[in-house]
Amino acid sequence: MKNFVQLIPYHVVEQLDTVNEIPKGVEIIQAPEIWNETKGKGITIAILDTGCDTNHPDLKDRIIGGRNFTKDYKGDPERFEDNNGHGTHVCGTIAATLNNQGVVGVAPEASLLILKVLGRNGSGQYDWIIEAIHYAIEQKVDIISMSLGGPSDVKELHEAIIEAVNQKILVVCAAGNDGDGQDSTDELGYPGCYNEVISVGAVNMERESSEFTNSNNQVDLVAPGEKVTSTYLNGTYATLSGTSMATPHVSGALALIKVMANASFQRELTVPELYAQLIKRTVPLGNSPYIEGNGLVYLTLPDYIKTVFDQQRVESLVSI
């Protein structure tokens, strides 16, 4: 299977040598308010991307292993270093360590399994991604995060995702950056359009829908995806924009939610149950569901406030 999948296009806003902050996107979704309950310890997230800077001071303690499925580094499966930058940035948003320097991720004690499925130029074969999904299943990860996509609906990719979900793995994917700002047109990308995945669109730091975010009836929710600061190559930092940057906010949020929900129910919740716990923690922003799905992920949203938001949304729809 020689068809290629690529990084969902993204924009590099700036590169930084040093940073010392909780990124604004992490704050917007209220992750720091959850850290007194959990920081994601015990949850393993597989990152299918360009690899990771495994020596980055904010990430080195989070990485539990990895594998290279690409032809980079002469196809050495043990070399999963990032030679692009995208994967390292995604990793930081999910789980950069809370160490009073650099940045901190949404789930700063979660474990990362680095699966390099995209090469230096940001592209890779569908075969590599499918193999990586099966590897993640074998490793019994809790979450698979994929900030990548392509125009082709590939049966084998879909089947691999279905198998992951059947094995109680949450699969989170970027919706895509081909949007035109109109909910009347569909922009389709895969695997983000598969019903079994959690498809993530983007908003800016003012909680406004990003012009580039894809719209379709498979978008589940949105997260901050513009001017997101996170880890980058050679121990540095960068500010990037794209649904690729929104996706790891949700992957990290699910790590926190899974710990809290399993503790609350005193059992392992199923994928549909955990999805329900995620959607329970969203705020509608007033856009079409084709653009924002159920709304912005917001981890501390009390049930009674959610009920008010839902009622207001229903009333606004009825009045149209």
Protein backbone atom coordinates (compact mmCIF):
# COMPACT_ATOMS: atom_id res chain seq x y z
CA MET A 1 0.00 0.00 0.00
CA LYS A 2 2.07 2.93 -1.32
CA ASN A 3 -0.50 5.70 -0.91
CA PHE A 4 0.81 8.52 1.23
CA VAL A 5 -0.66 10.31 4.21
CA GLN A 6 0.73 13.62 5.41
CA LEU A 7 0.88 15.93 8.33
CA ILE A 8 -2.18 18.10 8.32
CA PRO A 9 -0.68 21.42 7.15
CA TYR A 10 0.22 23.72 9.99
CA HIS A 11 1.74 27.17 10.42
CA VAL A 12 4.91 27.96 12.38
CA VAL A 13 4.29 31.28 14.10
CA GLU A 14 7.67 31.58 15.88
CA GLN A 15 10.50 29.57 17.40
CA LEU A 16 11.78 30.24 20.91
CA ASP A 17 14.92 29.18 22.75
CA THR A 18 13.43 29.50 26.23
CA VAL A 19 9.94 29.59 27.69
CA ASN A 20 8.55 29.41 31.22
CA GLU A 21 4.78 29.25 31.18
CA ILE A 22 1.62 27.22 31.33
CA PRO A 23 0.52 27.53 27.69
CA LYS A 24 -2.70 29.48 27.24
CA GLY A 25 -4.46 26.58 25.54
CA VAL A 26 -3.79 24.35 28.54
CA GLU A 27 -5.30 27.04 30.76
CA ILE A 28 -8.33 27.61 28.50
CA ILE A 29 -9.44 23.98 28.78
CA GLN A 30 -8.99 24.21 32.58
CA ALA A 31 -6.38 21.45 32.88
CA PRO A 32 -4.50 23.05 35.82
CA GLU A 33 -7.74 22.97 37.83
CA ILE A 34 -7.71 19.16 37.55
CA TRP A 35 -4.10 18.57 38.58
CA ASN A 36 -4.91 18.37 42.27
CA GLU A 37 -6.97 15.27 41.39
CA THR A 38 -4.76 13.77 38.68
CA LYS A 39 -2.00 14.69 36.26
CA GLY A 40 -2.61 11.62 34.11
CA LYS A 41 -0.32 9.18 35.87
CA GLY A 42 -0.93 5.59 34.77
CA ILE A 43 -2.26 6.52 31.33
CA THR A 44 -0.23 5.71 28.20
CA ILE A 45 -0.74 7.71 25.01
CA ALA A 46 0.65 6.57 21.67
CA ILE A 47 1.69 9.53 19.49
CA LEU A 48 1.63 8.63 15.78
CA ASP A 49 3.61 11.47 14.23
CA THR A 50 7.12 12.50 13.13
CA GLY A 51 8.78 11.16 16.27
CA CYS A 52 9.98 13.11 19.28
CA ASP A 53 13.03 14.94 20.61
CA THR A 54 13.65 12.32 23.29
CA ASN A 55 16.26 14.47 25.04
CA HIS A 56 14.01 17.49 25.46
CA PRO A 57 14.06 18.44 29.16
CA ASP A 58 10.26 18.74 29.24
CA LEU A 59 9.66 15.35 27.62
CA LYS A 60 12.47 12.94 28.44
CA ASP A 61 10.83 11.74 31.67
CA ARG A 62 7.49 11.12 29.96
CA ILE A 63 8.71 8.81 27.17
CA ILE A 64 8.45 5.10 27.94
CA GLY A 65 9.50 3.81 24.53
CA GLY A 66 8.89 4.06 20.83
CA ARG A 67 9.37 2.64 17.37
CA ASN A 68 10.20 3.92 13.90
CA PHE A 69 7.96 2.68 11.09
CA THR A 70 9.41 4.99 8.42
CA LYS A 71 12.47 4.77 6.16
CA ASP A 72 14.21 7.56 8.06
CA TYR A 73 17.43 6.57 9.81
CA LYS A 74 17.78 3.75 7.27
CA GLY A 75 14.60 2.19 8.62
CA ASP A 76 16.10 1.48 12.05
CA PRO A 77 13.05 0.65 14.19
CA GLU A 78 14.83 1.77 17.35
CA ARG A 79 15.43 5.33 16.14
CA PHE A 80 12.28 7.36 16.58
CA GLU A 81 13.84 10.81 16.95
CA ASP A 82 11.95 13.71 15.45
CA ASN A 83 13.58 15.30 12.39
CA ASN A 84 10.63 17.54 11.57
CA GLY A 85 9.42 19.21 14.77
CA HIS A 86 5.70 18.51 14.52
CA GLY A 87 5.69 15.38 16.66
CA THR A 88 7.71 16.98 19.44
CA HIS A 89 5.27 19.89 19.55
CA VAL A 90 2.28 17.54 19.82
CA CYS A 91 3.99 15.56 22.61
CA GLY A 92 4.56 18.70 24.66
CA THR A 93 0.94 19.78 24.53
CA ILE A 94 -0.15 16.37 25.74
CA ALA A 95 2.31 15.69 28.52
CA ALA A 96 5.24 18.09 28.97
CA THR A 97 6.42 17.64 32.55
CA LEU A 98 5.48 20.12 35.26
CA ASN A 99 9.05 21.08 36.19
CA ASN A 100 8.87 24.88 36.69
CA GLN A 101 10.61 25.52 33.39
CA GLY A 102 9.69 25.39 29.72
CA VAL A 103 6.05 24.46 29.15
CA VAL A 104 3.65 22.02 30.76
CA GLY A 105 1.22 19.70 29.01
CA VAL A 106 -2.42 18.96 29.70
CA ALA A 107 -1.56 15.65 31.43
CA PRO A 108 1.98 16.21 32.76
CA GLU A 109 2.38 12.78 34.34
CA ALA A 110 1.00 10.68 31.48
CA SER A 111 3.34 8.29 29.66
CA LEU A 112 4.17 8.69 25.97
CA LEU A 113 4.81 5.92 23.44
CA ILE A 114 6.46 7.53 20.41
CA LEU A 115 5.50 5.89 17.11
CA LYS A 116 7.25 7.55 14.18
CA VAL A 117 5.01 7.09 11.14
CA LEU A 118 5.92 10.26 9.23
CA GLY A 119 9.33 11.14 7.86
CA ARG A 120 11.39 14.30 7.78
CA ASN A 121 9.19 15.82 5.07
CA GLY A 122 5.99 15.12 7.03
CA SER A 123 4.66 12.32 4.84
CA GLY A 124 4.33 8.59 5.30
CA GLN A 125 2.73 5.49 3.88
CA TYR A 126 -0.63 4.24 5.08
CA ASP A 127 1.08 0.91 5.77
CA TRP A 128 3.28 2.56 8.38
CA ILE A 129 0.32 4.06 10.21
CA ILE A 130 -1.63 0.81 10.12
CA GLU A 131 1.39 -1.10 11.49
CA ALA A 132 1.82 1.49 14.23
CA ILE A 133 -1.82 1.22 15.28
CA HIS A 134 -1.47 -2.55 15.60
CA TYR A 135 1.75 -2.03 17.57
CA ALA A 136 -0.06 0.38 19.91
CA ILE A 137 -2.77 -2.23 20.42
CA GLU A 138 -0.13 -4.82 21.32
CA GLN A 139 1.40 -2.39 23.81
CA LYS A 140 -2.03 -1.93 25.43
CA VAL A 141 -2.02 1.86 25.29
CA ASP A 142 -4.99 3.83 26.56
CA ILE A 143 -5.14 6.52 23.87
CA ILE A 144 -3.89 6.93 20.29
CA SER A 145 -3.33 10.51 19.11
CA MET A 146 -2.99 11.26 15.38
CA SER A 147 -2.45 14.79 14.06
CA LEU A 148 -2.25 13.59 10.46
CA GLY A 149 -4.56 12.91 7.57
CA GLY A 150 -5.15 12.35 3.91
CA PRO A 151 -7.97 12.48 1.33
CA SER A 152 -8.29 8.71 0.93
CA ASP A 153 -10.70 6.45 2.78
CA VAL A 154 -8.43 3.42 3.19
CA LYS A 155 -10.23 0.26 4.25
CA GLU A 156 -7.25 -1.23 6.08
CA LEU A 157 -6.71 1.96 8.08
CA HIS A 158 -10.35 2.05 9.08
CA GLU A 159 -10.23 -1.61 10.11
CA ALA A 160 -7.13 -0.98 12.26
CA ILE A 161 -8.89 1.88 14.04
CA ILE A 162 -11.99 -0.22 14.63
CA GLU A 163 -9.77 -2.93 16.13
CA ALA A 164 -8.13 -0.36 18.44
CA VAL A 165 -11.51 0.87 19.64
CA ASN A 166 -12.65 -2.72 20.15
CA GLN A 167 -9.60 -3.12 22.40
CA LYS A 168 -10.82 -0.21 24.55
CA ILE A 169 -8.42 2.36 23.09
CA LEU A 170 -9.60 5.93 22.54
CA VAL A 171 -8.52 7.22 19.12
CA VAL A 172 -8.20 11.01 18.73
CA CYS A 173 -7.63 12.61 15.30
CA ALA A 174 -7.31 16.09 13.83
CA ALA A 175 -10.32 17.19 11.78
CA GLY A 176 -8.09 18.87 9.18
CA ASN A 177 -7.09 22.34 7.99
CA ASP A 178 -8.93 22.60 4.66
CA GLY A 179 -11.82 24.63 6.04
CA ASP A 180 -13.29 27.69 4.35
CA GLY A 181 -15.12 29.07 7.38
CA GLN A 182 -18.49 27.92 6.02
CA ASP A 183 -20.53 25.17 7.66
CA SER A 184 -22.45 24.63 4.41
CA THR A 185 -19.45 22.94 2.78
CA ASP A 186 -17.87 19.69 3.90
CA GLU A 187 -14.09 19.24 4.02
CA LEU A 188 -13.29 15.57 4.48
CA GLY A 189 -10.04 14.02 5.65
CA TYR A 190 -9.14 10.60 6.99
CA PRO A 191 -8.83 9.18 9.59
CA GLY A 192 -10.54 12.24 11.13
CA CYS A 193 -13.84 11.48 9.35
CA TYR A 194 -14.20 7.94 10.64
CA ASN A 195 -17.10 7.68 13.06
CA GLU A 196 -15.04 5.61 15.50
CA VAL A 197 -12.48 8.35 16.15
CA ILE A 198 -12.82 11.53 18.19
CA SER A 199 -12.44 14.27 15.58
CA VAL A 200 -11.03 17.57 16.84
CA GLY A 201 -11.46 20.99 15.25
CA ALA A 202 -9.72 24.22 16.24
CA VAL A 203 -10.51 27.55 17.84
CA ASN A 204 -8.25 30.50 18.57
CA MET A 205 -7.32 31.75 22.02
CA GLU A 206 -10.39 34.02 22.01
CA ARG A 207 -12.52 30.87 21.57
CA GLU A 208 -13.47 31.85 18.02
CA SER A 209 -13.64 29.19 15.33
CA SER A 210 -10.47 28.96 13.25
CA GLU A 211 -10.95 29.80 9.58
CA PHE A 212 -8.94 26.74 8.53
CA THR A 213 -10.75 24.10 10.62
CA ASN A 214 -12.65 21.46 8.62
CA SER A 215 -16.43 21.32 8.85
CA ASN A 216 -18.41 18.09 8.52
CA ASN A 217 -20.85 16.00 10.52
CA GLN A 218 -18.08 13.93 12.14
CA VAL A 219 -16.47 16.79 14.10
CA ASP A 220 -16.89 15.92 17.80
CA LEU A 221 -15.49 18.96 19.58
CA VAL A 222 -12.91 21.75 19.38
CA ALA A 223 -9.83 22.83 21.32
CA PRO A 224 -7.25 25.64 21.10
CA GLY A 225 -5.36 25.34 17.81
CA GLU A 226 -3.93 28.78 17.05
CA LYS A 227 -0.66 30.20 18.36
CA VAL A 228 -0.05 27.16 20.56
CA THR A 229 3.35 27.19 22.28
CA SER A 230 4.95 23.83 23.00
CA THR A 231 8.18 21.83 22.85
CA TYR A 232 10.25 21.74 19.67
CA LEU A 233 13.49 20.35 18.26
CA ASN A 234 16.84 20.50 20.07
CA GLY A 235 15.35 21.36 23.43
CA THR A 236 13.68 24.53 22.12
CA TYR A 237 10.09 25.72 21.83
CA ALA A 238 7.80 26.91 19.06
CA THR A 239 4.40 28.44 18.52
CA LEU A 240 2.35 26.64 15.86
CA SER A 241 -1.20 26.77 14.52
CA GLY A 242 -3.47 24.04 13.10
CA THR A 243 -5.96 21.36 14.08
CA SER A 244 -2.80 19.32 14.70
CA MET A 245 -2.29 21.56 17.73
CA ALA A 246 -5.91 21.24 18.91
CA THR A 247 -5.86 17.44 18.86
CA PRO A 248 -3.27 16.90 21.63
CA HIS A 249 -5.27 19.12 23.98
CA VAL A 250 -8.09 16.57 23.72
CA SER A 251 -5.76 13.56 23.98
CA GLY A 252 -4.32 14.99 27.19
CA ALA A 253 -7.79 15.86 28.48
CA LEU A 254 -8.90 12.27 27.95
CA ALA A 255 -5.96 11.04 30.03
CA LEU A 256 -7.20 13.14 32.96
CA ILE A 257 -10.83 12.19 32.38
CA LYS A 258 -10.07 8.48 32.24
CA VAL A 259 -8.29 8.54 35.61
CA MET A 260 -11.08 10.55 37.25
CA ALA A 261 -13.96 8.61 35.72
CA ASN A 262 -12.51 5.17 36.47
CA ALA A 263 -11.91 6.25 40.07
CA SER A 264 -15.43 7.65 40.36
CA PHE A 265 -17.15 4.58 38.93
CA GLN A 266 -14.62 2.18 40.50
CA ARG A 267 -14.27 0.24 37.26
CA GLU A 268 -12.77 0.54 33.80
CA LEU A 269 -15.14 2.54 31.63
CA THR A 270 -15.76 1.54 28.03
CA VAL A 271 -14.82 3.73 25.06
CA PRO A 272 -18.43 4.98 24.60
CA GLU A 273 -18.65 5.77 28.31
CA LEU A 274 -15.38 7.72 28.25
CA TYR A 275 -16.52 9.54 25.13
CA ALA A 276 -19.67 10.53 27.02
CA GLN A 277 -17.53 11.78 29.92
CA LEU A 278 -15.55 13.92 27.45
CA ILE A 279 -18.61 15.39 25.74
CA LYS A 280 -20.09 16.10 29.17
CA ARG A 281 -17.15 18.47 29.57
CA THR A 282 -17.76 20.70 26.56
CA VAL A 283 -19.15 24.20 26.19
CA PRO A 284 -21.10 25.14 23.02
CA LEU A 285 -19.69 28.30 21.46
CA GLY A 286 -22.63 29.18 19.23
CA ASN A 287 -21.24 27.84 15.96
CA SER A 288 -22.74 25.15 13.76
CA PRO A 289 -22.17 21.59 15.05
CA TYR A 290 -20.53 20.94 11.67
CA ILE A 291 -17.72 23.29 12.77
CA GLU A 292 -17.53 22.86 16.54
CA GLY A 293 -19.25 19.52 17.17
CA ASN A 294 -20.36 19.58 20.79
CA GLY A 295 -18.25 22.63 21.59
CA LEU A 296 -15.01 23.50 23.39
CA VAL A 297 -13.48 20.97 25.78
CA TYR A 298 -13.70 22.47 29.28
CA LEU A 299 -12.59 20.10 32.00
CA THR A 300 -14.15 21.69 35.08
CA LEU A 301 -17.61 22.36 33.71
CA PRO A 302 -20.19 21.49 36.41
CA ASP A 303 -23.28 19.59 35.31
CA TYR A 304 -25.67 22.41 36.19
CA ILE A 305 -23.74 24.91 34.05
CA LYS A 306 -23.65 22.42 31.18
CA THR A 307 -27.43 22.10 31.46
CA VAL A 308 -27.81 25.88 31.19
CA PHE A 309 -25.51 26.00 28.14
CA ASP A 310 -27.43 23.15 26.51
CA GLN A 311 -30.77 24.82 27.19
CA GLN A 312 -29.54 28.12 25.74
CA ARG A 313 -28.30 26.29 22.67
CA VAL A 314 -31.64 24.54 22.20
CA GLU A 315 -33.53 27.84 22.61
CA SER A 316 -31.28 29.56 20.07
CA LEU A 317 -31.82 26.76 17.56
CA VAL A 318 -35.58 26.84 18.10
CA SER A 319 -35.66 30.57 17.49
CA ILE A 320 -33.90 30.28 14.12
